[in-house]
Amino acid sequence: VGRPKNPAFLLQADELLTQFDEFDILHYFEGNVGCED
């Protein structure tokens, strides 16, 4: 839908959960944080 487009700057699904698995998760969300437009 927009920038960034470079895969080096884009997280894969659940990547933060995997990379920081020694942390207790207080909040996690993946998805649209903007609006429909």
Full PDB file with SEQRES, HELIX, SHEET, SSBOND, CRYST1, ORIGX, SCALE, CONECT and MASTER records, all heavy atoms in Angstrom:
SEQRES   1 A   37  VAL GLY ARG PRO LYS ASN PRO ALA PHE LEU LEU GLN ALA          
SEQRES   2 A   37  ASP GLU LEU LEU THR GLN PHE ASP GLU PHE ASP ILE LEU          
SEQRES   3 A   37  HIS TYR PHE GLU GLY ASN VAL GLY CYS GLU ASP                  
HELIX    1 AA1 PRO A    7  PHE A    9  5                                   3    
HELIX    2 AA2 GLU A   15  GLN A   19  1                                   5    
CRYST1    1.000    1.000    1.000  90.00  90.00  90.00 P 1           1          
ORIGX1      1.000000  0.000000  0.000000        0.00000                         
ORIGX2      0.000000  1.000000  0.000000        0.00000                         
ORIGX3      0.000000  0.000000  1.000000        0.00000                         
SCALE1      1.000000  0.000000  0.000000        0.00000                         
SCALE2      0.000000  1.000000  0.000000        0.00000                         
SCALE3      0.000000  0.000000  1.000000        0.00000                         
ATOM      1  N   VAL A   1       0.803  -1.229   0.000  1.00  0.00           N  
ATOM      2  CA  VAL A   1       0.000   0.000   0.000  1.00  0.00           C  
ATOM      3  C   VAL A   1       0.832   1.274   0.000  1.00  0.00           C  
ATOM      4  O   VAL A   1       0.285   2.370  -0.142  1.00  0.00           O  
ATOM      5  CB  VAL A   1      -0.979   0.030   1.201  1.00  0.00           C  
ATOM      6  CG1 VAL A   1      -1.968  -1.122   1.125  1.00  0.00           C  
ATOM      7  CG2 VAL A   1      -0.242   0.028   2.530  1.00  0.00           C  
ATOM      8  N   GLY A   2       2.133   1.173   0.206  1.00  0.00           N  
ATOM      9  CA  GLY A   2       2.957   2.385   0.269  1.00  0.00           C  
ATOM     10  C   GLY A   2       4.372   2.067   0.698  1.00  0.00           C  
ATOM     11  O   GLY A   2       4.826   0.925   0.603  1.00  0.00           O  
ATOM     12  N   ARG A   3       5.041   3.075   1.186  1.00  0.00           N  
ATOM     13  CA  ARG A   3       6.426   2.946   1.620  1.00  0.00           C  
ATOM     14  C   ARG A   3       6.494   2.638   3.109  1.00  0.00           C  
ATOM     15  O   ARG A   3       5.590   3.042   3.827  1.00  0.00           O  
ATOM     16  CB  ARG A   3       7.177   4.245   1.322  1.00  0.00           C  
ATOM     17  CG  ARG A   3       7.297   4.465  -0.142  1.00  0.00           C  
ATOM     18  CD  ARG A   3       7.998   5.771  -0.421  1.00  0.00           C  
ATOM     19  NE  ARG A   3       8.294   5.822  -1.831  1.00  0.00           N  
ATOM     20  CZ  ARG A   3       9.464   6.123  -2.342  1.00  0.00           C  
ATOM     21  NH1 ARG A   3      10.460   6.437  -1.562  1.00  0.00           N  
ATOM     22  NH2 ARG A   3       9.654   6.125  -3.625  1.00  0.00           N  
ATOM     23  N   PRO A   4       7.566   2.002   3.530  1.00  0.00           N  
ATOM     24  CA  PRO A   4       8.699   1.504   2.762  1.00  0.00           C  
ATOM     25  C   PRO A   4       8.341   0.230   2.001  1.00  0.00           C  
ATOM     26  O   PRO A   4       7.419  -0.496   2.362  1.00  0.00           O  
ATOM     27  CB  PRO A   4       9.770   1.234   3.816  1.00  0.00           C  
ATOM     28  CG  PRO A   4       9.019   0.974   5.066  1.00  0.00           C  
ATOM     29  CD  PRO A   4       7.761   1.788   4.972  1.00  0.00           C  
ATOM     30  N   LYS A   5       9.111  -0.047   0.969  1.00  0.00           N  
ATOM     31  CA  LYS A   5       8.925  -1.251   0.163  1.00  0.00           C  
ATOM     32  C   LYS A   5      10.111  -2.202   0.248  1.00  0.00           C  
ATOM     33  O   LYS A   5       9.983  -3.372  -0.067  1.00  0.00           O  
ATOM     34  CB  LYS A   5       8.680  -0.867  -1.296  1.00  0.00           C  
ATOM     35  CG  LYS A   5       7.348  -0.154  -1.513  1.00  0.00           C  
ATOM     36  CD  LYS A   5       7.057   0.036  -2.969  1.00  0.00           C  
ATOM     37  CE  LYS A   5       5.745   0.747  -3.214  1.00  0.00           C  
ATOM     38  NZ  LYS A   5       4.554   0.011  -2.816  1.00  0.00           N  
ATOM     39  N   ASN A   6      11.250  -1.699   0.688  1.00  0.00           N  
ATOM     40  CA  ASN A   6      12.456  -2.504   0.788  1.00  0.00           C  
ATOM     41  C   ASN A   6      12.283  -3.555   1.886  1.00  0.00           C  
ATOM     42  O   ASN A   6      12.036  -3.207   3.049  1.00  0.00           O  
ATOM     43  CB  ASN A   6      13.651  -1.593   1.101  1.00  0.00           C  
ATOM     44  CG  ASN A   6      14.963  -2.324   1.141  1.00  0.00           C  
ATOM     45  OD1 ASN A   6      15.030  -3.522   1.374  1.00  0.00           O  
ATOM     46  ND2 ASN A   6      16.037  -1.585   0.929  1.00  0.00           N  
ATOM     47  N   PRO A   7      12.421  -4.845   1.565  1.00  0.00           N  
ATOM     48  CA  PRO A   7      12.241  -5.897   2.575  1.00  0.00           C  
ATOM     49  C   PRO A   7      13.174  -5.756   3.783  1.00  0.00           C  
ATOM     50  O   PRO A   7      12.849  -6.246   4.860  1.00  0.00           O  
ATOM     51  CB  PRO A   7      12.543  -7.197   1.817  1.00  0.00           C  
ATOM     52  CG  PRO A   7      12.489  -6.852   0.378  1.00  0.00           C  
ATOM     53  CD  PRO A   7      12.727  -5.376   0.245  1.00  0.00           C  
ATOM     54  N   ALA A   8      14.307  -5.095   3.621  1.00  0.00           N  
ATOM     55  CA  ALA A   8      15.226  -4.900   4.745  1.00  0.00           C  
ATOM     56  C   ALA A   8      14.603  -4.029   5.829  1.00  0.00           C  
ATOM     57  O   ALA A   8      15.024  -4.069   6.981  1.00  0.00           O  
ATOM     58  CB  ALA A   8      16.532  -4.270   4.263  1.00  0.00           C  
ATOM     59  N   PHE A   9      13.593  -3.238   5.467  1.00  0.00           N  
ATOM     60  CA  PHE A   9      12.947  -2.330   6.409  1.00  0.00           C  
ATOM     61  C   PHE A   9      11.554  -2.796   6.828  1.00  0.00           C  
ATOM     62  O   PHE A   9      10.799  -2.039   7.430  1.00  0.00           O  
ATOM     63  CB  PHE A   9      12.839  -0.928   5.811  1.00  0.00           C  
ATOM     64  CG  PHE A   9      14.155  -0.377   5.341  1.00  0.00           C  
ATOM     65  CD1 PHE A   9      14.251   0.256   4.119  1.00  0.00           C  
ATOM     66  CD2 PHE A   9      15.302  -0.496   6.107  1.00  0.00           C  
ATOM     67  CE1 PHE A   9      15.464   0.768   3.670  1.00  0.00           C  
ATOM     68  CE2 PHE A   9      16.516   0.011   5.674  1.00  0.00           C  
ATOM     69  CZ  PHE A   9      16.594   0.643   4.455  1.00  0.00           C  
ATOM     70  N   LEU A  10      11.215  -4.034   6.510  1.00  0.00           N  
ATOM     71  CA  LEU A  10       9.875  -4.560   6.776  1.00  0.00           C  
ATOM     72  C   LEU A  10       9.955  -5.843   7.589  1.00  0.00           C  
ATOM     73  O   LEU A  10      10.682  -6.780   7.223  1.00  0.00           O  
ATOM     74  CB  LEU A  10       9.143  -4.827   5.456  1.00  0.00           C  
ATOM     75  CG  LEU A  10       8.946  -3.624   4.549  1.00  0.00           C  
ATOM     76  CD1 LEU A  10       8.462  -4.059   3.172  1.00  0.00           C  
ATOM     77  CD2 LEU A  10       7.992  -2.631   5.168  1.00  0.00           C  
ATOM     78  N   LEU A  11       9.210  -5.895   8.664  1.00  0.00           N  
ATOM     79  CA  LEU A  11       9.169  -7.088   9.509  1.00  0.00           C  
ATOM     80  C   LEU A  11       8.369  -8.202   8.852  1.00  0.00           C  
ATOM     81  O   LEU A  11       7.319  -7.955   8.247  1.00  0.00           O  
ATOM     82  CB  LEU A  11       8.500  -6.759  10.843  1.00  0.00           C  
ATOM     83  CG  LEU A  11       9.266  -5.894  11.818  1.00  0.00           C  
ATOM     84  CD1 LEU A  11       8.345  -5.397  12.920  1.00  0.00           C  
ATOM     85  CD2 LEU A  11      10.448  -6.650  12.401  1.00  0.00           C  
ATOM     86  N   GLN A  12       8.838  -9.407   9.016  1.00  0.00           N  
ATOM     87  CA  GLN A  12       8.078 -10.583   8.629  1.00  0.00           C  
ATOM     88  C   GLN A  12       7.013 -10.839   9.703  1.00  0.00           C  
ATOM     89  O   GLN A  12       7.103 -10.322  10.821  1.00  0.00           O  
ATOM     90  CB  GLN A  12       9.008 -11.797   8.530  1.00  0.00           C  
ATOM     91  CG  GLN A  12      10.080 -11.669   7.481  1.00  0.00           C  
ATOM     92  CD  GLN A  12       9.515 -11.625   6.078  1.00  0.00           C  
ATOM     93  OE1 GLN A  12       8.587 -12.365   5.743  1.00  0.00           O  
ATOM     94  NE2 GLN A  12      10.049 -10.729   5.261  1.00  0.00           N  
ATOM     95  N   ALA A  13       6.023 -11.647   9.381  1.00  0.00           N  
ATOM     96  CA  ALA A  13       4.976 -11.988  10.345  1.00  0.00           C  
ATOM     97  C   ALA A  13       5.607 -12.579  11.608  1.00  0.00           C  
ATOM     98  O   ALA A  13       6.485 -13.445  11.523  1.00  0.00           O  
ATOM     99  CB  ALA A  13       3.996 -12.981   9.725  1.00  0.00           C  
ATOM    100  N   ASP A  14       5.205 -12.082  12.747  1.00  0.00           N  
ATOM    101  CA  ASP A  14       5.644 -12.556  14.073  1.00  0.00           C  
ATOM    102  C   ASP A  14       7.146 -12.416  14.325  1.00  0.00           C  
ATOM    103  O   ASP A  14       7.676 -13.016  15.261  1.00  0.00           O  
ATOM    104  CB  ASP A  14       5.233 -14.019  14.308  1.00  0.00           C  
ATOM    105  CG  ASP A  14       3.731 -14.197  14.363  1.00  0.00           C  
ATOM    106  OD1 ASP A  14       3.035 -13.246  14.768  1.00  0.00           O  
ATOM    107  OD2 ASP A  14       3.255 -15.285  13.997  1.00  0.00           O  
ATOM    108  N   GLU A  15       7.845 -11.625  13.530  1.00  0.00           N  
ATOM    109  CA  GLU A  15       9.296 -11.519  13.685  1.00  0.00           C  
ATOM    110  C   GLU A  15       9.695 -10.947  15.044  1.00  0.00           C  
ATOM    111  O   GLU A  15      10.642 -11.434  15.671  1.00  0.00           O  
ATOM    112  CB  GLU A  15       9.896 -10.668  12.569  1.00  0.00           C  
ATOM    113  CG  GLU A  15      11.398 -10.642  12.581  1.00  0.00           C  
ATOM    114  CD  GLU A  15      12.020  -9.971  11.362  1.00  0.00           C  
ATOM    115  OE1 GLU A  15      11.285  -9.532  10.458  1.00  0.00           O  
ATOM    116  OE2 GLU A  15      13.265  -9.887  11.328  1.00  0.00           O  
ATOM    117  N   LEU A  16       8.998  -9.924  15.521  1.00  0.00           N  
ATOM    118  CA  LEU A  16       9.347  -9.372  16.836  1.00  0.00           C  
ATOM    119  C   LEU A  16       9.094 -10.390  17.947  1.00  0.00           C  
ATOM    120  O   LEU A  16       9.861 -10.479  18.906  1.00  0.00           O  
ATOM    121  CB  LEU A  16       8.582  -8.077  17.105  1.00  0.00           C  
ATOM    122  CG  LEU A  16       8.984  -6.862  16.265  1.00  0.00           C  
ATOM    123  CD1 LEU A  16       8.109  -5.665  16.602  1.00  0.00           C  
ATOM    124  CD2 LEU A  16      10.453  -6.516  16.465  1.00  0.00           C  
ATOM    125  N   LEU A  17       8.024 -11.165  17.813  1.00  0.00           N  
ATOM    126  CA  LEU A  17       7.743 -12.201  18.813  1.00  0.00           C  
ATOM    127  C   LEU A  17       8.862 -13.232  18.852  1.00  0.00           C  
ATOM    128  O   LEU A  17       9.278 -13.687  19.923  1.00  0.00           O  
ATOM    129  CB  LEU A  17       6.419 -12.899  18.499  1.00  0.00           C  
ATOM    130  CG  LEU A  17       5.158 -12.075  18.687  1.00  0.00           C  
ATOM    131  CD1 LEU A  17       3.949 -12.853  18.204  1.00  0.00           C  
ATOM    132  CD2 LEU A  17       4.991 -11.653  20.136  1.00  0.00           C  
ATOM    133  N   THR A  18       9.358 -13.593  17.702  1.00  0.00           N  
ATOM    134  CA  THR A  18      10.432 -14.581  17.612  1.00  0.00           C  
ATOM    135  C   THR A  18      11.750 -14.013  18.125  1.00  0.00           C  
ATOM    136  O   THR A  18      12.457 -14.659  18.908  1.00  0.00           O  
ATOM    137  CB  THR A  18      10.598 -15.047  16.146  1.00  0.00           C  
ATOM    138  OG1 THR A  18       9.358 -15.585  15.698  1.00  0.00           O  
ATOM    139  CG2 THR A  18      11.694 -16.081  16.018  1.00  0.00           C  
ATOM    140  N   GLN A  19      12.086 -12.805  17.701  1.00  0.00           N  
ATOM    141  CA  GLN A  19      13.368 -12.212  18.069  1.00  0.00           C  
ATOM    142  C   GLN A  19      13.463 -11.875  19.555  1.00  0.00           C  
ATOM    143  O   GLN A  19      14.538 -11.923  20.134  1.00  0.00           O  
ATOM    144  CB  GLN A  19      13.633 -10.949  17.242  1.00  0.00           C  
ATOM    145  CG  GLN A  19      13.940 -11.234  15.805  1.00  0.00           C  
ATOM    146  CD  GLN A  19      15.211 -12.034  15.631  1.00  0.00           C  
ATOM    147  OE1 GLN A  19      16.187 -11.864  16.352  1.00  0.00           O  
ATOM    148  NE2 GLN A  19      15.205 -12.941  14.673  1.00  0.00           N  
ATOM    149  N   PHE A  20      12.347 -11.501  20.156  1.00  0.00           N  
ATOM    150  CA  PHE A  20      12.347 -11.077  21.557  1.00  0.00           C  
ATOM    151  C   PHE A  20      11.538 -12.056  22.417  1.00  0.00           C  
ATOM    152  O   PHE A  20      10.762 -11.658  23.276  1.00  0.00           O  
ATOM    153  CB  PHE A  20      11.830  -9.635  21.663  1.00  0.00           C  
ATOM    154  CG  PHE A  20      12.725  -8.656  20.957  1.00  0.00           C  
ATOM    155  CD1 PHE A  20      12.415  -8.206  19.683  1.00  0.00           C  
ATOM    156  CD2 PHE A  20      13.909  -8.227  21.548  1.00  0.00           C  
ATOM    157  CE1 PHE A  20      13.262  -7.328  19.011  1.00  0.00           C  
ATOM    158  CE2 PHE A  20      14.758  -7.348  20.885  1.00  0.00           C  
ATOM    159  CZ  PHE A  20      14.433  -6.901  19.610  1.00  0.00           C  
ATOM    160  N   ASP A  21      11.780 -13.351  22.188  1.00  0.00           N  
ATOM    161  CA  ASP A  21      11.003 -14.376  22.884  1.00  0.00           C  
ATOM    162  C   ASP A  21      11.359 -14.512  24.367  1.00  0.00           C  
ATOM    163  O   ASP A  21      10.644 -15.170  25.112  1.00  0.00           O  
ATOM    164  CB  ASP A  21      11.117 -15.726  22.173  1.00  0.00           C  
ATOM    165  CG  ASP A  21      12.535 -16.267  22.107  1.00  0.00           C  
ATOM    166  OD1 ASP A  21      13.488 -15.537  22.468  1.00  0.00           O  
ATOM    167  OD2 ASP A  21      12.697 -17.430  21.691  1.00  0.00           O  
ATOM    168  N   GLU A  22      12.450 -13.867  24.820  1.00  0.00           N  
ATOM    169  CA  GLU A  22      12.775 -13.907  26.244  1.00  0.00           C  
ATOM    170  C   GLU A  22      12.089 -12.771  27.012  1.00  0.00           C  
ATOM    171  O   GLU A  22      12.351 -12.569  28.189  1.00  0.00           O  
ATOM    172  CB  GLU A  22      14.285 -13.886  26.489  1.00  0.00           C  
ATOM    173  CG  GLU A  22      14.976 -12.637  26.032  1.00  0.00           C  
ATOM    174  CD  GLU A  22      15.437 -12.684  24.570  1.00  0.00           C  
ATOM    175  OE1 GLU A  22      15.035 -13.570  23.816  1.00  0.00           O  
ATOM    176  OE2 GLU A  22      16.191 -11.795  24.190  1.00  0.00           O  
ATOM    177  N   PHE A  23      11.210 -12.052  26.344  1.00  0.00           N  
ATOM    178  CA  PHE A  23      10.417 -10.999  26.973  1.00  0.00           C  
ATOM    179  C   PHE A  23       8.998 -11.515  27.187  1.00  0.00           C  
ATOM    180  O   PHE A  23       8.471 -12.268  26.371  1.00  0.00           O  
ATOM    181  CB  PHE A  23      10.346  -9.761  26.066  1.00  0.00           C  
ATOM    182  CG  PHE A  23      11.613  -8.956  26.010  1.00  0.00           C  
ATOM    183  CD1 PHE A  23      12.752  -9.447  25.397  1.00  0.00           C  
ATOM    184  CD2 PHE A  23      11.660  -7.679  26.553  1.00  0.00           C  
ATOM    185  CE1 PHE A  23      13.922  -8.697  25.331  1.00  0.00           C  
ATOM    186  CE2 PHE A  23      12.822  -6.926  26.497  1.00  0.00           C  
ATOM    187  CZ  PHE A  23      13.949  -7.434  25.887  1.00  0.00           C  
ATOM    188  N   ASP A  24       8.391 -11.094  28.300  1.00  0.00           N  
ATOM    189  CA  ASP A  24       6.973 -11.376  28.512  1.00  0.00           C  
ATOM    190  C   ASP A  24       6.183 -10.346  27.716  1.00  0.00           C  
ATOM    191  O   ASP A  24       6.421  -9.137  27.837  1.00  0.00           O  
ATOM    192  CB  ASP A  24       6.616 -11.290  30.002  1.00  0.00           C  
ATOM    193  CG  ASP A  24       7.244 -12.422  30.795  1.00  0.00           C  
ATOM    194  OD1 ASP A  24       7.336 -13.550  30.271  1.00  0.00           O  
ATOM    195  OD2 ASP A  24       7.648 -12.172  31.947  1.00  0.00           O  
ATOM    196  N   ILE A  25       5.246 -10.803  26.927  1.00  0.00           N  
ATOM    197  CA  ILE A  25       4.491  -9.935  26.041  1.00  0.00           C  
ATOM    198  C   ILE A  25       3.380  -9.232  26.827  1.00  0.00           C  
ATOM    199  O   ILE A  25       2.505  -9.872  27.401  1.00  0.00           O  
ATOM    200  CB  ILE A  25       3.864 -10.729  24.871  1.00  0.00           C  
ATOM    201  CG1 ILE A  25       4.912 -11.566  24.145  1.00  0.00           C  
ATOM    202  CG2 ILE A  25       3.132  -9.794  23.913  1.00  0.00           C  
ATOM    203  CD1 ILE A  25       6.129 -10.822  23.689  1.00  0.00           C  
ATOM    204  N   LEU A  26       3.431  -7.901  26.834  1.00  0.00           N  
ATOM    205  CA  LEU A  26       2.384  -7.105  27.466  1.00  0.00           C  
ATOM    206  C   LEU A  26       1.367  -6.630  26.432  1.00  0.00           C  
ATOM    207  O   LEU A  26       0.206  -6.406  26.762  1.00  0.00           O  
ATOM    208  CB  LEU A  26       3.004  -5.903  28.188  1.00  0.00           C  
ATOM    209  CG  LEU A  26       4.080  -6.234  29.220  1.00  0.00           C  
ATOM    210  CD1 LEU A  26       4.643  -4.963  29.841  1.00  0.00           C  
ATOM    211  CD2 LEU A  26       3.531  -7.158  30.296  1.00  0.00           C  
ATOM    212  N   HIS A  27       1.829  -6.461  25.210  1.00  0.00           N  
ATOM    213  CA  HIS A  27       0.948  -6.075  24.097  1.00  0.00           C  
ATOM    214  C   HIS A  27       1.613  -6.503  22.800  1.00  0.00           C  
ATOM    215  O   HIS A  27       2.822  -6.326  22.635  1.00  0.00           O  
ATOM    216  CB  HIS A  27       0.734  -4.552  24.074  1.00  0.00           C  
ATOM    217  CG  HIS A  27       0.085  -4.068  22.806  1.00  0.00           C  
ATOM    218  ND1 HIS A  27      -1.260  -4.214  22.564  1.00  0.00           N  
ATOM    219  CD2 HIS A  27       0.608  -3.462  21.701  1.00  0.00           C  
ATOM    220  CE1 HIS A  27      -1.542  -3.693  21.369  1.00  0.00           C  
ATOM    221  NE2 HIS A  27      -0.417  -3.240  20.824  1.00  0.00           N  
ATOM    222  N   TYR A  28       0.826  -7.086  21.894  1.00  0.00           N  
ATOM    223  CA  TYR A  28       1.324  -7.387  20.559  1.00  0.00           C  
ATOM    224  C   TYR A  28       0.187  -7.252  19.570  1.00  0.00           C  
ATOM    225  O   TYR A  28      -0.925  -7.711  19.817  1.00  0.00           O  
ATOM    226  CB  TYR A  28       1.926  -8.796  20.461  1.00  0.00           C  
ATOM    227  CG  TYR A  28       2.661  -8.959  19.155  1.00  0.00           C  
ATOM    228  CD1 TYR A  28       3.932  -8.415  18.991  1.00  0.00           C  
ATOM    229  CD2 TYR A  28       2.081  -9.595  18.075  1.00  0.00           C  
ATOM    230  CE1 TYR A  28       4.605  -8.507  17.792  1.00  0.00           C  
ATOM    231  CE2 TYR A  28       2.748  -9.696  16.867  1.00  0.00           C  
ATOM    232  CZ  TYR A  28       4.011  -9.148  16.730  1.00  0.00           C  
ATOM    233  OH  TYR A  28       4.670  -9.218  15.538  1.00  0.00           O  
ATOM    234  N   PHE A  29       0.494  -6.606  18.450  1.00  0.00           N  
ATOM    235  CA  PHE A  29      -0.490  -6.441  17.380  1.00  0.00           C  
ATOM    236  C   PHE A  29       0.250  -6.351  16.063  1.00  0.00           C  
ATOM    237  O   PHE A  29       1.297  -5.717  15.976  1.00  0.00           O  
ATOM    238  CB  PHE A  29      -1.306  -5.155  17.596  1.00  0.00           C  
ATOM    239  CG  PHE A  29      -2.227  -4.840  16.444  1.00  0.00           C  
ATOM    240  CD1 PHE A  29      -3.426  -5.508  16.312  1.00  0.00           C  
ATOM    241  CD2 PHE A  29      -1.872  -3.902  15.481  1.00  0.00           C  
ATOM    242  CE1 PHE A  29      -4.276  -5.241  15.245  1.00  0.00           C  
ATOM    243  CE2 PHE A  29      -2.715  -3.618  14.414  1.00  0.00           C  
ATOM    244  CZ  PHE A  29      -3.919  -4.292  14.299  1.00  0.00           C  
ATOM    245  N   GLU A  30      -0.291  -6.999  15.051  1.00  0.00           N  
ATOM    246  CA  GLU A  30       0.173  -6.837  13.673  1.00  0.00           C  
ATOM    247  C   GLU A  30      -1.041  -6.556  12.825  1.00  0.00           C  
ATOM    248  O   GLU A  30      -2.022  -7.287  12.870  1.00  0.00           O  
ATOM    249  CB  GLU A  30       0.851  -8.106  13.157  1.00  0.00           C  
ATOM    250  CG  GLU A  30       2.269  -8.268  13.576  1.00  0.00           C  
ATOM    251  CD  GLU A  30       2.962  -9.436  12.890  1.00  0.00           C  
ATOM    252  OE1 GLU A  30       2.648  -9.750  11.727  1.00  0.00           O  
ATOM    253  OE2 GLU A  30       3.839 -10.020  13.537  1.00  0.00           O  
ATOM    254  N   GLY A  31      -0.964  -5.485  12.048  1.00  0.00           N  
ATOM    255  CA  GLY A  31      -2.083  -5.172  11.169  1.00  0.00           C  
ATOM    256  C   GLY A  31      -2.120  -3.696  10.846  1.00  0.00           C  
ATOM    257  O   GLY A  31      -1.140  -2.969  11.005  1.00  0.00           O  
ATOM    258  N   ASN A  32      -3.294  -3.262  10.421  1.00  0.00           N  
ATOM    259  CA  ASN A  32      -3.500  -1.887   9.985  1.00  0.00           C  
ATOM    260  C   ASN A  32      -3.676  -0.969  11.194  1.00  0.00           C  
ATOM    261  O   ASN A  32      -4.628  -1.112  11.950  1.00  0.00           O  
ATOM    262  CB  ASN A  32      -4.735  -1.819   9.085  1.00  0.00           C  
ATOM    263  CG  ASN A  32      -5.007  -0.444   8.538  1.00  0.00           C  
ATOM    264  OD1 ASN A  32      -4.212   0.484   8.703  1.00  0.00           O  
ATOM    265  ND2 ASN A  32      -6.137  -0.292   7.866  1.00  0.00           N  
ATOM    266  N   VAL A  33      -2.759  -0.033  11.364  1.00  0.00           N  
ATOM    267  CA  VAL A  33      -2.865   0.953  12.439  1.00  0.00           C  
ATOM    268  C   VAL A  33      -3.302   2.309  11.889  1.00  0.00           C  
ATOM    269  O   VAL A  33      -3.413   3.273  12.632  1.00  0.00           O  
ATOM    270  CB  VAL A  33      -1.542   1.107  13.231  1.00  0.00           C  
ATOM    271  CG1 VAL A  33      -1.178  -0.192  13.926  1.00  0.00           C  
ATOM    272  CG2 VAL A  33      -0.410   1.587  12.345  1.00  0.00           C  
ATOM    273  N   GLY A  34      -3.553   2.359  10.587  1.00  0.00           N  
ATOM    274  CA  GLY A  34      -4.019   3.592   9.940  1.00  0.00           C  
ATOM    275  C   GLY A  34      -5.541   3.580   9.884  1.00  0.00           C  
ATOM    276  O   GLY A  34      -6.219   3.341  10.868  1.00  0.00           O  
ATOM    277  N   CYS A  35      -6.064   3.803   8.711  1.00  0.00           N  
ATOM    278  CA  CYS A  35      -7.506   3.769   8.508  1.00  0.00           C  
ATOM    279  C   CYS A  35      -7.773   3.056   7.187  1.00  0.00           C  
ATOM    280  O   CYS A  35      -6.851   2.642   6.491  1.00  0.00           O  
ATOM    281  CB  CYS A  35      -8.082   5.185   8.515  1.00  0.00           C  
ATOM    282  SG  CYS A  35      -7.427   6.232   7.197  1.00  0.00           S  
ATOM    283  N   GLU A  36      -9.046   2.928   6.822  1.00  0.00           N  
ATOM    284  CA  GLU A  36      -9.377   2.242   5.571  1.00  0.00           C  
ATOM    285  C   GLU A  36      -8.892   3.023   4.354  1.00  0.00           C  
ATOM    286  O   GLU A  36      -8.452   2.438   3.380  1.00  0.00           O  
ATOM    287  CB  GLU A  36     -10.876   2.002   5.492  1.00  0.00           C  
ATOM    288  CG  GLU A  36     -11.354   0.960   6.480  1.00  0.00           C  
ATOM    289  CD  GLU A  36     -12.843   0.735   6.406  1.00  0.00           C  
ATOM    290  OE1 GLU A  36     -13.460   1.057   5.379  1.00  0.00           O  
ATOM    291  OE2 GLU A  36     -13.390   0.228   7.387  1.00  0.00           O  
ATOM    292  N   ASP A  37      -8.972   4.358   4.415  1.00  0.00           N  
ATOM    293  CA  ASP A  37      -8.548   5.178   3.280  1.00  0.00           C  
ATOM    294  C   ASP A  37      -7.037   5.184   3.110  1.00  0.00           C  
ATOM    295  O   ASP A  37      -6.536   5.208   1.990  1.00  0.00           O  
ATOM    296  CB  ASP A  37      -9.041   6.614   3.444  1.00  0.00           C  
ATOM    297  CG  ASP A  37     -10.555   6.704   3.387  1.00  0.00           C  
ATOM    298  OD1 ASP A  37     -11.172   5.820   2.753  1.00  0.00           O  
ATOM    299  OD2 ASP A  37     -11.116   7.645   3.972  1.00  0.00           O  
TER     300      ASP A  37                                                      
MASTER        0    0    0    2    0    0    0    6  299    1    0    3          
END                                                                             
